Amino acid sequence: MYRFIESIRLENGKFPLLEEHQLRLNNTFNHFGHFNPFLLDEVISVPEEYLNGIFKCRVVYNLHGKVSVEFAPYHIKKLGTFSLVDIGSAGYPYKFEDRQWIMDLLNKSEGDEIIMCRNGEITDSSYANLVFFDGDKWVTPKHPLLEGTRRARLLKASIIKERIIRDNEIFNFHQFKCINAMISWEEAPVYQIGQIKKTIS
């Protein structure tokens, strides 16, 4: 039986992206033929010790009503090098709990993190969507493996734009960020394109 996850930012007792997480959960249920998704705000109860500060709320669920909720501190990791990795035509359109194939790619790489390339297009890192700066604007790959909640919010606010980014043009950009639900736009570290290894493995 499939199990799915939502990793939700809890910031001083509030969930800034709860609407986007609920939409993704609803879409997951609908895709697999289940039309009775639960409501996140009804299954999450925040303990008092997590009301101040930033924490990760991890919701694990299946399509038959089993849900577990955990809270943990969260710290943004700063990365050194990135490796381009060709994943062929592999996909990850729904947020499955089992991400072992992605972690295997990361463990085999020579960098601290990977940038995945599918059918010649840049998609994501192992844990985040990507946004690249061309000297004028920030753009994100049009066809990520997983459409993240932070990405959705930034696109809606017109802070970033989406377009196809080919693997052979990535080095035309100047900088990039890794963004996900747990990292706000302002907090996301800015990396230099030179931190990406050119070899696709």
Protein backbone atom coordinates (compact mmCIF):
# COMPACT_ATOMS: atom_id res chain seq x y z
CA MET A 1 0.00 0.00 0.00
CA TYR A 2 1.35 3.41 -0.97
CA ARG A 3 2.24 5.86 1.77
CA PHE A 4 2.66 9.57 1.16
CA ILE A 5 4.12 12.45 3.12
CA GLU A 6 3.63 16.16 3.55
CA SER A 7 6.50 18.04 5.19
CA ILE A 8 4.94 21.24 6.44
CA ARG A 9 6.64 24.32 7.86
CA LEU A 10 5.36 25.25 11.31
CA GLU A 11 6.36 28.82 12.12
CA ASN A 12 5.44 30.25 15.52
CA GLY A 13 2.35 28.09 15.69
CA LYS A 14 1.16 28.75 12.13
CA PHE A 15 1.37 26.85 8.83
CA PRO A 16 2.13 29.44 6.09
CA LEU A 17 1.66 27.00 3.18
CA LEU A 18 -1.17 24.83 4.48
CA GLU A 19 -3.43 25.68 1.53
CA GLU A 20 -0.83 24.42 -0.96
CA HIS A 21 -0.21 21.25 1.04
CA GLN A 22 -3.94 20.53 1.20
CA LEU A 23 -4.26 21.00 -2.56
CA ARG A 24 -1.43 18.55 -3.23
CA LEU A 25 -2.95 16.02 -0.84
CA ASN A 26 -6.34 16.39 -2.56
CA ASN A 27 -4.74 15.86 -5.97
CA THR A 28 -3.01 12.73 -4.71
CA PHE A 29 -6.27 11.24 -3.46
CA ASN A 30 -8.07 12.11 -6.69
CA HIS A 31 -5.35 10.65 -8.91
CA PHE A 32 -5.55 7.28 -7.16
CA GLY A 33 -9.35 7.18 -7.31
CA HIS A 34 -10.11 8.19 -3.73
CA PHE A 35 -12.36 11.21 -3.41
CA ASN A 36 -12.55 11.66 0.35
CA PRO A 37 -9.30 13.36 1.38
CA PHE A 38 -8.90 14.32 5.01
CA LEU A 39 -8.30 17.91 6.08
CA LEU A 40 -4.84 18.65 7.38
CA ASP A 41 -6.04 21.26 9.85
CA GLU A 42 -8.31 18.63 11.41
CA VAL A 43 -5.63 15.99 11.95
CA ILE A 44 -2.78 18.24 13.09
CA SER A 45 -2.72 19.30 16.71
CA VAL A 46 0.34 21.33 17.66
CA PRO A 47 1.83 20.58 21.10
CA GLU A 48 2.60 23.62 23.21
CA GLU A 49 6.37 23.08 23.02
CA TYR A 50 6.27 23.63 19.25
CA LEU A 51 4.37 26.92 19.26
CA ASN A 52 7.48 29.13 19.18
CA GLY A 53 10.14 28.81 16.51
CA ILE A 54 10.38 26.90 13.23
CA PHE A 55 9.68 23.17 13.09
CA LYS A 56 8.96 20.49 10.52
CA CYS A 57 5.53 18.90 10.79
CA ARG A 58 5.73 15.54 9.01
CA VAL A 59 2.39 14.04 8.04
CA VAL A 60 2.52 10.44 6.79
CA TYR A 61 -0.68 9.01 5.35
CA ASN A 62 -2.22 6.39 3.11
CA LEU A 63 -5.39 6.53 1.04
CA HIS A 64 -7.46 4.60 3.58
CA GLY A 65 -7.46 7.01 6.48
CA LYS A 66 -4.32 6.09 8.39
CA VAL A 67 -2.43 9.26 9.36
CA SER A 68 0.54 9.96 11.63
CA VAL A 69 1.91 13.37 12.60
CA GLU A 70 5.38 14.13 13.95
CA PHE A 71 7.21 17.35 14.81
CA ALA A 72 10.95 17.99 14.72
CA PRO A 73 13.34 20.96 14.74
CA TYR A 74 14.51 22.12 11.33
CA HIS A 75 17.80 23.66 10.28
CA ILE A 76 18.69 24.75 6.76
CA LYS A 77 21.70 22.87 5.46
CA LYS A 78 24.38 24.78 3.56
CA LEU A 79 25.84 22.80 0.69
CA GLY A 80 29.20 22.94 -1.03
CA THR A 81 29.12 21.11 -4.35
CA PHE A 82 26.39 19.79 -6.64
CA SER A 83 26.56 16.97 -9.19
CA LEU A 84 24.44 16.79 -12.33
CA VAL A 85 22.79 13.37 -12.49
CA ASP A 86 20.95 11.90 -15.48
CA ILE A 87 17.83 10.04 -14.29
CA GLY A 88 16.61 8.95 -17.72
CA SER A 89 12.81 9.11 -17.77
CA ALA A 90 12.24 8.42 -14.05
CA GLY A 91 9.38 10.24 -12.32
CA TYR A 92 8.17 11.27 -8.86
CA PRO A 93 4.87 13.11 -9.51
CA TYR A 94 3.38 12.40 -6.07
CA LYS A 95 5.07 12.77 -2.71
CA PHE A 96 5.63 9.12 -1.88
CA GLU A 97 7.24 8.32 1.45
CA ASP A 98 9.59 5.90 -0.31
CA ARG A 99 12.29 8.02 -1.97
CA GLN A 100 15.03 5.42 -1.84
CA TRP A 101 15.91 5.63 -5.53
CA ILE A 102 16.60 9.35 -5.14
CA MET A 103 18.70 8.79 -2.03
CA ASP A 104 20.68 6.11 -3.88
CA LEU A 105 21.51 8.66 -6.58
CA LEU A 106 22.63 11.13 -3.94
CA ASN A 107 24.79 8.57 -2.14
CA LYS A 108 26.52 7.58 -5.39
CA SER A 109 27.24 11.16 -6.45
CA GLU A 110 30.48 13.03 -5.88
CA GLY A 111 28.81 16.19 -4.60
CA ASP A 112 27.05 17.22 -1.41
CA GLU A 113 23.81 17.36 -3.39
CA ILE A 114 22.52 16.36 -6.82
CA ILE A 115 20.76 18.24 -9.59
CA MET A 116 18.64 15.81 -11.56
CA CYS A 117 18.26 15.89 -15.32
CA ARG A 118 15.43 14.01 -17.06
CA ASN A 119 15.36 13.64 -20.83
CA GLY A 120 17.75 16.56 -21.18
CA GLU A 121 15.81 18.90 -18.86
CA ILE A 122 16.85 20.11 -15.42
CA THR A 123 14.28 19.08 -12.79
CA ASP A 124 15.08 19.17 -9.05
CA SER A 125 17.62 18.48 -6.35
CA SER A 126 17.12 15.47 -4.09
CA TYR A 127 15.09 17.46 -1.57
CA ALA A 128 14.01 20.70 -3.23
CA ASN A 129 12.88 22.49 -6.34
CA LEU A 130 15.47 24.65 -8.08
CA VAL A 131 15.42 28.31 -9.07
CA PHE A 132 18.10 29.90 -11.27
CA PHE A 133 19.10 33.55 -11.63
CA ASP A 134 20.01 34.78 -15.11
CA GLY A 135 21.13 38.25 -14.04
CA ASP A 136 17.64 39.68 -14.42
CA LYS A 137 15.05 37.25 -13.09
CA TRP A 138 14.68 33.98 -11.19
CA VAL A 139 13.38 31.02 -13.21
CA THR A 140 12.43 27.49 -12.19
CA PRO A 141 12.34 24.35 -14.35
CA LYS A 142 8.95 23.98 -16.03
CA HIS A 143 8.78 20.20 -15.53
CA PRO A 144 10.03 19.33 -12.03
CA LEU A 145 9.73 15.80 -10.72
CA LEU A 146 7.51 17.14 -7.94
CA GLU A 147 5.71 20.47 -7.95
CA GLY A 148 6.54 21.79 -4.50
CA THR A 149 4.34 23.95 -2.32
CA ARG A 150 6.92 26.74 -1.97
CA ARG A 151 7.40 26.74 -5.75
CA ALA A 152 3.63 27.03 -6.22
CA ARG A 153 3.40 30.00 -3.85
CA LEU A 154 6.33 31.83 -5.48
CA LEU A 155 4.91 31.30 -8.97
CA LYS A 156 1.52 32.60 -7.83
CA ALA A 157 3.20 35.70 -6.41
CA SER A 158 5.19 36.19 -9.66
CA ILE A 159 8.44 36.15 -7.68
CA ILE A 160 9.73 33.42 -9.98
CA LYS A 161 8.89 32.33 -13.52
CA GLU A 162 8.95 28.85 -15.03
CA ARG A 163 10.51 27.68 -18.26
CA ILE A 164 12.27 24.67 -19.71
CA ILE A 165 15.93 24.63 -18.70
CA ARG A 166 18.11 22.27 -20.72
CA ASP A 167 21.11 20.60 -19.13
CA ASN A 168 23.44 22.24 -21.66
CA GLU A 169 22.34 25.77 -20.71
CA ILE A 170 22.53 25.54 -16.94
CA PHE A 171 25.96 27.16 -16.92
CA ASN A 172 24.55 30.27 -18.61
CA PHE A 173 22.98 31.20 -15.27
CA HIS A 174 24.78 33.04 -12.47
CA GLN A 175 23.28 31.73 -9.24
CA PHE A 176 20.63 29.35 -7.97
CA LYS A 177 18.59 28.43 -4.91
CA CYS A 178 17.10 25.22 -3.53
CA ILE A 179 13.55 25.86 -2.33
CA ASN A 180 11.05 23.70 -0.49
CA ALA A 181 8.22 24.01 2.00
CA MET A 182 10.61 24.32 4.93
CA ILE A 183 12.72 27.13 3.48
CA SER A 184 11.31 30.60 2.91
CA TRP A 185 12.45 32.54 -0.16
CA GLU A 186 14.41 34.97 1.99
CA GLU A 187 16.13 32.20 3.97
CA ALA A 188 17.18 30.07 1.00
CA PRO A 189 20.98 30.13 0.55
CA VAL A 190 22.23 31.52 -2.77
CA TYR A 191 24.65 29.19 -4.54
CA GLN A 192 27.02 30.01 -7.39
CA ILE A 193 26.74 28.13 -10.68
CA GLY A 194 30.42 27.24 -10.34
CA GLN A 195 29.48 24.94 -7.45
CA ILE A 196 27.86 22.55 -9.96
CA LYS A 197 30.05 19.80 -11.38
CA LYS A 198 29.74 19.67 -15.16
CA THR A 199 29.87 15.90 -15.55
CA ILE A 200 26.52 14.11 -15.84
CA SER A 201 26.71 10.66 -14.24
